[in-house]
């Protein structure tokens, strides 16, 4: 099946109350794991590539690999630019065949974010490519953060509605208390689900949750058992993810959990079988671990059987 637009995947997700995972890749093994899981779970999928992943693997390599796997596995899949910094990188991805792009100007002042997002949306839409934007700052809400600081970091519902209207973006990533990486919270995890519901009531387009890895305890334990040092790692509870999906989240970005799974799988082989020097056997174990995590996410998000 040819690559499709993320819009073709996310609009039905928003309408029918489930979410689709956007899984970051930078190599063959991660991509294989994602597509194998999607095929087994009969789930649509978004394969996300950061700028650093593109630099690592190469534009053509990533495109051809993902395009081939979508066709080979018969999976409804989109190739997405994650956290693009400016118009230049977005245009480059559009020209190479990416089927959706993100412009992340959330660190800029509001009007600058509007201008940057509008510029990308105008160009992308001429090519039939949808655009994701971000409003608010991703930072886990800590116990000692003041009310003013917290409010400043989170997405304002009324501003979100205005932002979508002014920019024409197709999907909106919002800040409701998540953060990137494996160390999301110093205190108890807290997502602003009431705020999410308010935004969803004002913005009809698919909403996106970044920084949503759960840092599963079993995955952490496997990595730690074989030597990984990850003290204090903590992610978004799965129950909170379920509630976020019910409240309007249609796209959920996952990267950290894949890295942790891969690390545990590779470390296990190197520790238990020190005589192994075949790279395929070493990284193959990481691929299997990622595949299991992706399948778990698809069940959690409710996208299984929707492909």
C-alpha atoms as a PDB file:
ATOM      1  CA  UNK A   1       0.000   0.000   0.000  1.00  0.00           C
ATOM      2  CA  UNK A   2       1.423   3.431  -0.898  1.00  0.00           C
ATOM      3  CA  UNK A   3       2.133   5.911   1.883  1.00  0.00           C
ATOM      4  CA  UNK A   4      -0.931   7.971   2.764  1.00  0.00           C
ATOM      5  CA  UNK A   5      -1.456  11.386   4.278  1.00  0.00           C
ATOM      6  CA  UNK A   6      -1.530  11.548   8.074  1.00  0.00           C
ATOM      7  CA  UNK A   7      -4.854  13.335   7.633  1.00  0.00           C
ATOM      8  CA  UNK A   8      -6.338  10.168   6.161  1.00  0.00           C
ATOM      9  CA  UNK A   9      -5.266   8.360   9.319  1.00  0.00           C
ATOM     10  CA  UNK A  10      -6.000  10.948  12.012  1.00  0.00           C
ATOM     11  CA  UNK A  11      -9.352  12.398  10.982  1.00  0.00           C
ATOM     12  CA  UNK A  12     -11.114   9.019  11.431  1.00  0.00           C
ATOM     13  CA  UNK A  13      -9.256   8.527  14.716  1.00  0.00           C
ATOM     14  CA  UNK A  14     -10.611  11.794  16.084  1.00  0.00           C
ATOM     15  CA  UNK A  15     -14.106  11.089  14.778  1.00  0.00           C
ATOM     16  CA  UNK A  16     -14.272   7.573  16.235  1.00  0.00           C
ATOM     17  CA  UNK A  17     -12.480   8.087  19.547  1.00  0.00           C
ATOM     18  CA  UNK A  18      -9.188   6.256  19.200  1.00  0.00           C
ATOM     19  CA  UNK A  19      -5.602   7.386  18.703  1.00  0.00           C
ATOM     20  CA  UNK A  20      -2.828   6.365  16.329  1.00  0.00           C
ATOM     21  CA  UNK A  21       0.775   6.050  17.400  1.00  0.00           C
ATOM     22  CA  UNK A  22       3.520   8.053  15.736  1.00  0.00           C
ATOM     23  CA  UNK A  23       6.616   5.955  16.314  1.00  0.00           C
ATOM     24  CA  UNK A  24      10.025   7.503  15.757  1.00  0.00           C
ATOM     25  CA  UNK A  25      12.519   5.629  13.620  1.00  0.00           C
ATOM     26  CA  UNK A  26      16.104   6.137  12.543  1.00  0.00           C
ATOM     27  CA  UNK A  27      17.129   2.720  11.250  1.00  0.00           C
ATOM     28  CA  UNK A  28      16.094  -0.566   9.676  1.00  0.00           C
ATOM     29  CA  UNK A  29      15.380  -2.503  12.861  1.00  0.00           C
ATOM     30  CA  UNK A  30      13.077   0.093  14.411  1.00  0.00           C
ATOM     31  CA  UNK A  31      11.167   0.436  11.149  1.00  0.00           C
ATOM     32  CA  UNK A  32      10.783  -3.323  10.808  1.00  0.00           C
ATOM     33  CA  UNK A  33       9.488  -3.599  14.352  1.00  0.00           C
ATOM     34  CA  UNK A  34       6.914  -0.849  13.826  1.00  0.00           C
ATOM     35  CA  UNK A  35       5.593  -2.300  10.570  1.00  0.00           C
ATOM     36  CA  UNK A  36       5.557  -5.882  11.825  1.00  0.00           C
ATOM     37  CA  UNK A  37       3.499  -4.753  14.812  1.00  0.00           C
ATOM     38  CA  UNK A  38       1.139  -2.705  12.634  1.00  0.00           C
ATOM     39  CA  UNK A  39       0.576  -5.628  10.282  1.00  0.00           C
ATOM     40  CA  UNK A  40      -0.071  -8.051  13.136  1.00  0.00           C
ATOM     41  CA  UNK A  41      -2.407  -5.652  14.953  1.00  0.00           C
ATOM     42  CA  UNK A  42      -4.089  -4.482  11.729  1.00  0.00           C
ATOM     43  CA  UNK A  43      -3.456  -0.919  12.813  1.00  0.00           C
ATOM     44  CA  UNK A  44      -2.750   2.250  10.853  1.00  0.00           C
ATOM     45  CA  UNK A  45       0.555   3.813  11.837  1.00  0.00           C
ATOM     46  CA  UNK A  46       2.547   7.011  11.529  1.00  0.00           C
ATOM     47  CA  UNK A  47       6.293   6.617  11.164  1.00  0.00           C
ATOM     48  CA  UNK A  48       7.971   9.727  12.517  1.00  0.00           C
ATOM     49  CA  UNK A  49      11.451  11.000  11.702  1.00  0.00           C
ATOM     50  CA  UNK A  50      13.234  13.769  13.540  1.00  0.00           C
ATOM     51  CA  UNK A  51      15.758  16.011  11.850  1.00  0.00           C
ATOM     52  CA  UNK A  52      18.563  14.169  13.638  1.00  0.00           C
ATOM     53  CA  UNK A  53      17.191  10.822  12.443  1.00  0.00           C
ATOM     54  CA  UNK A  54      17.134  12.104   8.866  1.00  0.00           C
ATOM     55  CA  UNK A  55      20.702  13.311   9.228  1.00  0.00           C
ATOM     56  CA  UNK A  56      21.728   9.929  10.655  1.00  0.00           C
ATOM     57  CA  UNK A  57      20.024   7.675   8.115  1.00  0.00           C
ATOM     58  CA  UNK A  58      19.679   9.944   5.076  1.00  0.00           C
ATOM     59  CA  UNK A  59      16.597  11.335   3.335  1.00  0.00           C
ATOM     60  CA  UNK A  60      16.448   8.783   0.546  1.00  0.00           C
ATOM     61  CA  UNK A  61      17.275   5.842   2.798  1.00  0.00           C
ATOM     62  CA  UNK A  62      14.480   6.623   5.240  1.00  0.00           C
ATOM     63  CA  UNK A  63      11.954   7.394   2.548  1.00  0.00           C
ATOM     64  CA  UNK A  64      12.663   4.290   0.478  1.00  0.00           C
ATOM     65  CA  UNK A  65      12.741   2.043   3.546  1.00  0.00           C
ATOM     66  CA  UNK A  66       9.426   3.255   4.955  1.00  0.00           C
ATOM     67  CA  UNK A  67       7.764   3.404   1.542  1.00  0.00           C
ATOM     68  CA  UNK A  68       8.823  -0.187   0.773  1.00  0.00           C
ATOM     69  CA  UNK A  69       7.686  -1.520   4.144  1.00  0.00           C
ATOM     70  CA  UNK A  70       4.277   0.133   3.863  1.00  0.00           C
ATOM     71  CA  UNK A  71       3.823  -1.621   0.527  1.00  0.00           C
ATOM     72  CA  UNK A  72       5.325  -4.942   1.626  1.00  0.00           C
ATOM     73  CA  UNK A  73       3.293  -5.233   4.828  1.00  0.00           C
ATOM     74  CA  UNK A  74       0.123  -3.757   3.312  1.00  0.00           C
ATOM     75  CA  UNK A  75      -0.154  -1.285   6.173  1.00  0.00           C
ATOM     76  CA  UNK A  76      -1.879   2.104   6.026  1.00  0.00           C
ATOM     77  CA  UNK A  77       1.081   4.291   6.974  1.00  0.00           C
ATOM     78  CA  UNK A  78       2.224   7.900   6.816  1.00  0.00           C
ATOM     79  CA  UNK A  79       5.776   9.255   6.907  1.00  0.00           C
ATOM     80  CA  UNK A  80       5.950  12.269   9.185  1.00  0.00           C
ATOM     81  CA  UNK A  81       8.535  14.952   9.922  1.00  0.00           C
ATOM     82  CA  UNK A  82       8.698  15.339  13.703  1.00  0.00           C
ATOM     83  CA  UNK A  83       9.611  18.718  15.250  1.00  0.00           C
ATOM     84  CA  UNK A  84      10.727  20.463  12.083  1.00  0.00           C
ATOM     85  CA  UNK A  85      12.431  23.733  12.962  1.00  0.00           C
ATOM     86  CA  UNK A  86      11.632  25.871   9.945  1.00  0.00           C
ATOM     87  CA  UNK A  87      10.185  26.159   6.459  1.00  0.00           C
ATOM     88  CA  UNK A  88      13.351  24.891   4.759  1.00  0.00           C
ATOM     89  CA  UNK A  89      13.340  21.452   6.408  1.00  0.00           C
ATOM     90  CA  UNK A  90       9.586  21.119   5.862  1.00  0.00           C
ATOM     91  CA  UNK A  91       9.914  21.898   2.148  1.00  0.00           C
ATOM     92  CA  UNK A  92      12.807  19.471   1.820  1.00  0.00           C
ATOM     93  CA  UNK A  93      10.743  16.659   3.350  1.00  0.00           C
ATOM     94  CA  UNK A  94       7.718  17.480   1.198  1.00  0.00           C
ATOM     95  CA  UNK A  95       9.864  17.343  -1.923  1.00  0.00           C
ATOM     96  CA  UNK A  96      11.351  13.998  -0.902  1.00  0.00           C
ATOM     97  CA  UNK A  97       7.947  12.374  -0.302  1.00  0.00           C
ATOM     98  CA  UNK A  98       7.040  12.801   3.367  1.00  0.00           C
ATOM     99  CA  UNK A  99       3.252  12.695   3.723  1.00  0.00           C
ATOM    100  CA  UNK A 100       2.946  15.082   6.670  1.00  0.00           C
ATOM    101  CA  UNK A 101       5.229  17.593   8.341  1.00  0.00           C
ATOM    102  CA  UNK A 102       5.421  19.286  11.707  1.00  0.00           C
ATOM    103  CA  UNK A 103       6.604  22.820  12.254  1.00  0.00           C
ATOM    104  CA  UNK A 104       7.525  23.318  15.907  1.00  0.00           C
ATOM    105  CA  UNK A 105       7.700  27.034  16.589  1.00  0.00           C
ATOM    106  CA  UNK A 106       6.287  26.667  20.102  1.00  0.00           C
ATOM    107  CA  UNK A 107       9.356  28.232  21.718  1.00  0.00           C
ATOM    108  CA  UNK A 108       8.725  31.471  19.826  1.00  0.00           C
ATOM    109  CA  UNK A 109       6.372  34.207  20.919  1.00  0.00           C
ATOM    110  CA  UNK A 110       2.761  33.559  19.965  1.00  0.00           C
ATOM    111  CA  UNK A 111       2.619  35.844  16.917  1.00  0.00           C
ATOM    112  CA  UNK A 112       5.926  34.451  15.637  1.00  0.00           C
ATOM    113  CA  UNK A 113       4.563  30.923  16.053  1.00  0.00           C
ATOM    114  CA  UNK A 114       1.467  31.917  14.072  1.00  0.00           C
ATOM    115  CA  UNK A 115       3.592  33.393  11.292  1.00  0.00           C
ATOM    116  CA  UNK A 116       5.981  30.424  11.052  1.00  0.00           C
ATOM    117  CA  UNK A 117       3.174  27.859  11.115  1.00  0.00           C
ATOM    118  CA  UNK A 118       1.119  29.768   8.548  1.00  0.00           C
ATOM    119  CA  UNK A 119       4.082  29.903   6.162  1.00  0.00           C
ATOM    120  CA  UNK A 120       4.630  26.149   6.343  1.00  0.00           C
ATOM    121  CA  UNK A 121       0.909  25.391   6.033  1.00  0.00           C
ATOM    122  CA  UNK A 122       0.595  27.539   2.931  1.00  0.00           C
ATOM    123  CA  UNK A 123       3.432  25.740   1.147  1.00  0.00           C
ATOM    124  CA  UNK A 124       2.547  22.245   2.387  1.00  0.00           C
ATOM    125  CA  UNK A 125      -1.117  22.529   1.427  1.00  0.00           C
ATOM    126  CA  UNK A 126      -0.160  23.441  -2.123  1.00  0.00           C
ATOM    127  CA  UNK A 127       1.478  20.000  -2.271  1.00  0.00           C
ATOM    128  CA  UNK A 128      -1.441  18.286  -0.536  1.00  0.00           C
ATOM    129  CA  UNK A 129       0.572  17.631   2.623  1.00  0.00           C
ATOM    130  CA  UNK A 130      -0.995  18.246   6.062  1.00  0.00           C
ATOM    131  CA  UNK A 131       0.769  20.183   8.801  1.00  0.00           C
ATOM    132  CA  UNK A 132       1.108  19.640  12.517  1.00  0.00           C
ATOM    133  CA  UNK A 133       1.884  22.589  14.776  1.00  0.00           C
ATOM    134  CA  UNK A 134       2.510  22.975  18.497  1.00  0.00           C
ATOM    135  CA  UNK A 135       1.147  25.484  20.975  1.00  0.00           C
ATOM    136  CA  UNK A 136       2.407  25.543  24.555  1.00  0.00           C
ATOM    137  CA  UNK A 137       5.621  24.228  26.100  1.00  0.00           C
ATOM    138  CA  UNK A 138       6.166  20.588  26.968  1.00  0.00           C
ATOM    139  CA  UNK A 139       7.373  20.365  30.554  1.00  0.00           C
ATOM    140  CA  UNK A 140       6.257  17.848  33.143  1.00  0.00           C
ATOM    141  CA  UNK A 141       4.233  19.580  35.853  1.00  0.00           C
ATOM    142  CA  UNK A 142       6.316  19.268  39.007  1.00  0.00           C
ATOM    143  CA  UNK A 143       4.998  19.425  42.567  1.00  0.00           C
ATOM    144  CA  UNK A 144       6.671  22.762  43.372  1.00  0.00           C
ATOM    145  CA  UNK A 145       5.855  24.620  40.140  1.00  0.00           C
ATOM    146  CA  UNK A 146       3.865  27.787  40.792  1.00  0.00           C
ATOM    147  CA  UNK A 147       0.393  28.256  39.359  1.00  0.00           C
ATOM    148  CA  UNK A 148       1.565  31.099  37.122  1.00  0.00           C
ATOM    149  CA  UNK A 149       4.479  29.066  35.765  1.00  0.00           C
ATOM    150  CA  UNK A 150       2.226  26.102  35.106  1.00  0.00           C
ATOM    151  CA  UNK A 151      -0.394  28.191  33.333  1.00  0.00           C
ATOM    152  CA  UNK A 152       2.286  29.799  31.159  1.00  0.00           C
ATOM    153  CA  UNK A 153       3.540  26.410  29.983  1.00  0.00           C
ATOM    154  CA  UNK A 154       0.178  24.831  29.196  1.00  0.00           C
ATOM    155  CA  UNK A 155      -1.944  25.379  26.104  1.00  0.00           C
ATOM    156  CA  UNK A 156      -4.700  27.947  26.495  1.00  0.00           C
ATOM    157  CA  UNK A 157      -7.967  26.580  25.027  1.00  0.00           C
ATOM    158  CA  UNK A 158      -9.215  29.847  23.533  1.00  0.00           C
ATOM    159  CA  UNK A 159      -5.806  30.623  22.100  1.00  0.00           C
ATOM    160  CA  UNK A 160      -5.654  27.124  20.602  1.00  0.00           C
ATOM    161  CA  UNK A 161      -8.907  27.704  18.719  1.00  0.00           C
ATOM    162  CA  UNK A 162      -7.639  31.041  17.428  1.00  0.00           C
ATOM    163  CA  UNK A 163      -4.275  29.549  16.488  1.00  0.00           C
ATOM    164  CA  UNK A 164      -5.824  26.803  14.375  1.00  0.00           C
ATOM    165  CA  UNK A 165      -8.104  29.274  12.646  1.00  0.00           C
ATOM    166  CA  UNK A 166      -5.303  31.707  11.838  1.00  0.00           C
ATOM    167  CA  UNK A 167      -2.647  29.216  10.758  1.00  0.00           C
ATOM    168  CA  UNK A 168      -4.716  26.578   8.959  1.00  0.00           C
ATOM    169  CA  UNK A 169      -2.739  23.775  10.608  1.00  0.00           C
ATOM    170  CA  UNK A 170      -4.320  20.333  10.289  1.00  0.00           C
ATOM    171  CA  UNK A 171      -3.286  18.887  13.662  1.00  0.00           C
ATOM    172  CA  UNK A 172      -2.355  20.594  16.916  1.00  0.00           C
ATOM    173  CA  UNK A 173       0.101  19.326  19.508  1.00  0.00           C
ATOM    174  CA  UNK A 174      -0.882  20.662  22.904  1.00  0.00           C
ATOM    175  CA  UNK A 175       0.832  20.961  26.268  1.00  0.00           C
ATOM    176  CA  UNK A 176      -1.150  19.421  29.136  1.00  0.00           C
ATOM    177  CA  UNK A 177       1.721  18.366  31.397  1.00  0.00           C
ATOM    178  CA  UNK A 178       3.792  15.818  29.483  1.00  0.00           C
ATOM    179  CA  UNK A 179       7.475  16.192  28.594  1.00  0.00           C
ATOM    180  CA  UNK A 180      10.039  14.504  26.396  1.00  0.00           C
ATOM    181  CA  UNK A 181      12.464  11.835  27.607  1.00  0.00           C
ATOM    182  CA  UNK A 182      12.476   9.168  30.309  1.00  0.00           C
ATOM    183  CA  UNK A 183      12.376  11.546  33.274  1.00  0.00           C
ATOM    184  CA  UNK A 184       9.061  13.308  32.848  1.00  0.00           C
ATOM    185  CA  UNK A 185       8.037  13.890  36.455  1.00  0.00           C
ATOM    186  CA  UNK A 186       9.841  14.556  39.736  1.00  0.00           C
ATOM    187  CA  UNK A 187       6.618  14.139  41.667  1.00  0.00           C
ATOM    188  CA  UNK A 188       3.438  12.289  40.891  1.00  0.00           C
ATOM    189  CA  UNK A 189       2.472  12.292  37.199  1.00  0.00           C
ATOM    190  CA  UNK A 190      -0.254  14.798  36.461  1.00  0.00           C
ATOM    191  CA  UNK A 191      -2.004  15.539  33.179  1.00  0.00           C
ATOM    192  CA  UNK A 192      -4.457  18.395  32.824  1.00  0.00           C
ATOM    193  CA  UNK A 193      -7.289  16.321  31.372  1.00  0.00           C
ATOM    194  CA  UNK A 194      -9.960  18.946  32.040  1.00  0.00           C
ATOM    195  CA  UNK A 195      -7.925  21.396  29.985  1.00  0.00           C
ATOM    196  CA  UNK A 196      -7.651  18.805  27.219  1.00  0.00           C
ATOM    197  CA  UNK A 197     -11.426  18.348  27.188  1.00  0.00           C
ATOM    198  CA  UNK A 198     -11.909  22.096  26.954  1.00  0.00           C
ATOM    199  CA  UNK A 199      -9.487  22.340  24.029  1.00  0.00           C
ATOM    200  CA  UNK A 200     -11.152  19.398  22.287  1.00  0.00           C
ATOM    201  CA  UNK A 201     -14.493  21.171  22.624  1.00  0.00           C
ATOM    202  CA  UNK A 202     -13.126  24.228  20.853  1.00  0.00           C
ATOM    203  CA  UNK A 203     -10.797  22.616  18.288  1.00  0.00           C
ATOM    204  CA  UNK A 204     -12.358  19.998  16.035  1.00  0.00           C
ATOM    205  CA  UNK A 205      -9.137  18.945  14.327  1.00  0.00           C
ATOM    206  CA  UNK A 206      -7.028  16.016  15.556  1.00  0.00           C
ATOM    207  CA  UNK A 207      -5.093  16.800  18.728  1.00  0.00           C
ATOM    208  CA  UNK A 208      -1.601  15.463  19.367  1.00  0.00           C
ATOM    209  CA  UNK A 209       0.133  14.381  22.565  1.00  0.00           C
ATOM    210  CA  UNK A 210       3.911  14.578  22.587  1.00  0.00           C
ATOM    211  CA  UNK A 211       6.115  13.285  25.389  1.00  0.00           C
ATOM    212  CA  UNK A 212       3.670  10.453  26.011  1.00  0.00           C
ATOM    213  CA  UNK A 213       5.949   7.453  26.579  1.00  0.00           C
ATOM    214  CA  UNK A 214       4.903   5.471  29.645  1.00  0.00           C
ATOM    215  CA  UNK A 215       8.389   4.181  30.533  1.00  0.00           C
ATOM    216  CA  UNK A 216       6.904   0.727  31.351  1.00  0.00           C
ATOM    217  CA  UNK A 217       8.248  -0.838  34.515  1.00  0.00           C
ATOM    218  CA  UNK A 218       8.932  -4.210  32.894  1.00  0.00           C
ATOM    219  CA  UNK A 219      10.920  -2.557  30.096  1.00  0.00           C
ATOM    220  CA  UNK A 220      12.915  -0.564  32.657  1.00  0.00           C
ATOM    221  CA  UNK A 221      13.570  -3.667  34.734  1.00  0.00           C
ATOM    222  CA  UNK A 222      14.890  -5.598  31.742  1.00  0.00           C
ATOM    223  CA  UNK A 223      17.253  -2.792  30.771  1.00  0.00           C
ATOM    224  CA  UNK A 224      18.427  -2.354  34.361  1.00  0.00           C
ATOM    225  CA  UNK A 225      18.900  -6.083  34.848  1.00  0.00           C
ATOM    226  CA  UNK A 226      21.485  -6.089  32.085  1.00  0.00           C
ATOM    227  CA  UNK A 227      23.355  -2.986  33.166  1.00  0.00           C
ATOM    228  CA  UNK A 228      21.402   0.112  32.101  1.00  0.00           C
ATOM    229  CA  UNK A 229      21.510   2.989  34.604  1.00  0.00           C
ATOM    230  CA  UNK A 230      18.106   4.705  34.598  1.00  0.00           C
ATOM    231  CA  UNK A 231      17.357   5.755  38.188  1.00  0.00           C
ATOM    232  CA  UNK A 232      14.213   7.792  38.613  1.00  0.00           C
ATOM    233  CA  UNK A 233      12.875   7.225  35.103  1.00  0.00           C
ATOM    234  CA  UNK A 234       9.140   7.826  35.071  1.00  0.00           C
ATOM    235  CA  UNK A 235       6.584   8.223  32.296  1.00  0.00           C
ATOM    236  CA  UNK A 236       2.910   8.920  31.696  1.00  0.00           C
ATOM    237  CA  UNK A 237       0.664   6.268  33.322  1.00  0.00           C
ATOM    238  CA  UNK A 238      -1.287   4.167  30.870  1.00  0.00           C
ATOM    239  CA  UNK A 239      -4.572   5.029  32.593  1.00  0.00           C
ATOM    240  CA  UNK A 240      -3.874   8.711  31.907  1.00  0.00           C
ATOM    241  CA  UNK A 241      -3.195   7.905  28.252  1.00  0.00           C
ATOM    242  CA  UNK A 242      -6.540   6.112  27.993  1.00  0.00           C
ATOM    243  CA  UNK A 243      -8.320   9.130  29.455  1.00  0.00           C
ATOM    244  CA  UNK A 244      -6.481  11.479  27.096  1.00  0.00           C
ATOM    245  CA  UNK A 245      -7.672   9.423  24.114  1.00  0.00           C
ATOM    246  CA  UNK A 246     -11.244   9.531  25.415  1.00  0.00           C
ATOM    247  CA  UNK A 247     -10.915  13.295  25.754  1.00  0.00           C
ATOM    248  CA  UNK A 248      -9.868  13.926  22.150  1.00  0.00           C
ATOM    249  CA  UNK A 249      -6.223  12.983  21.561  1.00  0.00           C
ATOM    250  CA  UNK A 250      -5.903  11.337  18.120  1.00  0.00           C
ATOM    251  CA  UNK A 251      -2.114  11.109  17.663  1.00  0.00           C
ATOM    252  CA  UNK A 252       0.374   9.984  20.308  1.00  0.00           C
ATOM    253  CA  UNK A 253       4.116  10.291  19.810  1.00  0.00           C
ATOM    254  CA  UNK A 254       6.298   7.479  21.110  1.00  0.00           C
ATOM    255  CA  UNK A 255      10.097   7.449  21.033  1.00  0.00           C
ATOM    256  CA  UNK A 256      11.564   6.968  24.517  1.00  0.00           C
ATOM    257  CA  UNK A 257       9.793   3.652  25.126  1.00  0.00           C
ATOM    258  CA  UNK A 258      11.217   2.287  21.870  1.00  0.00           C
ATOM    259  CA  UNK A 259      14.732   3.312  22.849  1.00  0.00           C
ATOM    260  CA  UNK A 260      14.386   1.729  26.269  1.00  0.00           C
ATOM    261  CA  UNK A 261      13.065  -1.522  24.775  1.00  0.00           C
ATOM    262  CA  UNK A 262      15.864  -1.648  22.215  1.00  0.00           C
ATOM    263  CA  UNK A 263      18.475  -1.007  24.891  1.00  0.00           C
ATOM    264  CA  UNK A 264      17.149  -3.830  27.057  1.00  0.00           C
ATOM    265  CA  UNK A 265      17.013  -6.294  24.180  1.00  0.00           C
ATOM    266  CA  UNK A 266      20.523  -5.575  22.980  1.00  0.00           C
ATOM    267  CA  UNK A 267      21.994  -5.575  26.497  1.00  0.00           C
ATOM    268  CA  UNK A 268      20.368  -8.928  27.210  1.00  0.00           C
ATOM    269  CA  UNK A 269      22.053 -10.623  24.251  1.00  0.00           C
ATOM    270  CA  UNK A 270      25.429  -9.062  24.970  1.00  0.00           C
ATOM    271  CA  UNK A 271      25.223 -10.143  28.618  1.00  0.00           C
ATOM    272  CA  UNK A 272      23.737 -13.628  28.251  1.00  0.00           C
ATOM    273  CA  UNK A 273      25.582 -14.571  25.056  1.00  0.00           C
ATOM    274  CA  UNK A 274      28.995 -12.844  25.085  1.00  0.00           C
ATOM    275  CA  UNK A 275      30.171 -15.197  22.369  1.00  0.00           C
ATOM    276  CA  UNK A 276      27.721 -13.689  19.856  1.00  0.00           C
ATOM    277  CA  UNK A 277      29.275 -11.255  17.411  1.00  0.00           C
ATOM    278  CA  UNK A 278      26.724 -11.378  14.595  1.00  0.00           C
ATOM    279  CA  UNK A 279      25.161  -7.887  14.501  1.00  0.00           C
ATOM    280  CA  UNK A 280      21.895  -9.339  13.247  1.00  0.00           C
ATOM    281  CA  UNK A 281      21.484 -11.421  16.396  1.00  0.00           C
ATOM    282  CA  UNK A 282      22.407  -8.519  18.629  1.00  0.00           C
ATOM    283  CA  UNK A 283      20.165  -5.845  17.163  1.00  0.00           C
ATOM    284  CA  UNK A 284      17.514  -8.401  16.239  1.00  0.00           C
ATOM    285  CA  UNK A 285      16.781  -8.822  19.932  1.00  0.00           C
ATOM    286  CA  UNK A 286      16.233  -5.087  20.192  1.00  0.00           C
ATOM    287  CA  UNK A 287      13.874  -5.213  17.223  1.00  0.00           C
ATOM    288  CA  UNK A 288      11.765  -7.901  18.902  1.00  0.00           C
ATOM    289  CA  UNK A 289      11.545  -5.857  22.095  1.00  0.00           C
ATOM    290  CA  UNK A 290      10.392  -2.782  20.177  1.00  0.00           C
ATOM    291  CA  UNK A 291       7.789  -4.807  18.285  1.00  0.00           C
ATOM    292  CA  UNK A 292       6.264  -5.949  21.589  1.00  0.00           C
ATOM    293  CA  UNK A 293       6.108  -2.386  22.897  1.00  0.00           C
ATOM    294  CA  UNK A 294       4.497  -1.067  19.700  1.00  0.00           C
ATOM    295  CA  UNK A 295       1.831  -3.779  19.816  1.00  0.00           C
ATOM    296  CA  UNK A 296       1.088  -2.866  23.414  1.00  0.00           C
ATOM    297  CA  UNK A 297       0.722   0.793  22.443  1.00  0.00           C
ATOM    298  CA  UNK A 298      -1.661   0.010  19.605  1.00  0.00           C
ATOM    299  CA  UNK A 299      -3.922  -1.904  21.967  1.00  0.00           C
ATOM    300  CA  UNK A 300      -3.724   0.928  24.503  1.00  0.00           C
ATOM    301  CA  UNK A 301      -4.543   3.604  21.917  1.00  0.00           C
ATOM    302  CA  UNK A 302      -7.400   1.574  20.427  1.00  0.00           C
ATOM    303  CA  UNK A 303      -5.987   1.622  16.894  1.00  0.00           C
ATOM    304  CA  UNK A 304      -5.779  -2.179  16.604  1.00  0.00           C
ATOM    305  CA  UNK A 305      -8.181  -3.462  13.975  1.00  0.00           C
ATOM    306  CA  UNK A 306      -8.590   0.013  12.431  1.00  0.00           C
ATOM    307  CA  UNK A 307      -6.098  -0.492   9.587  1.00  0.00           C
END
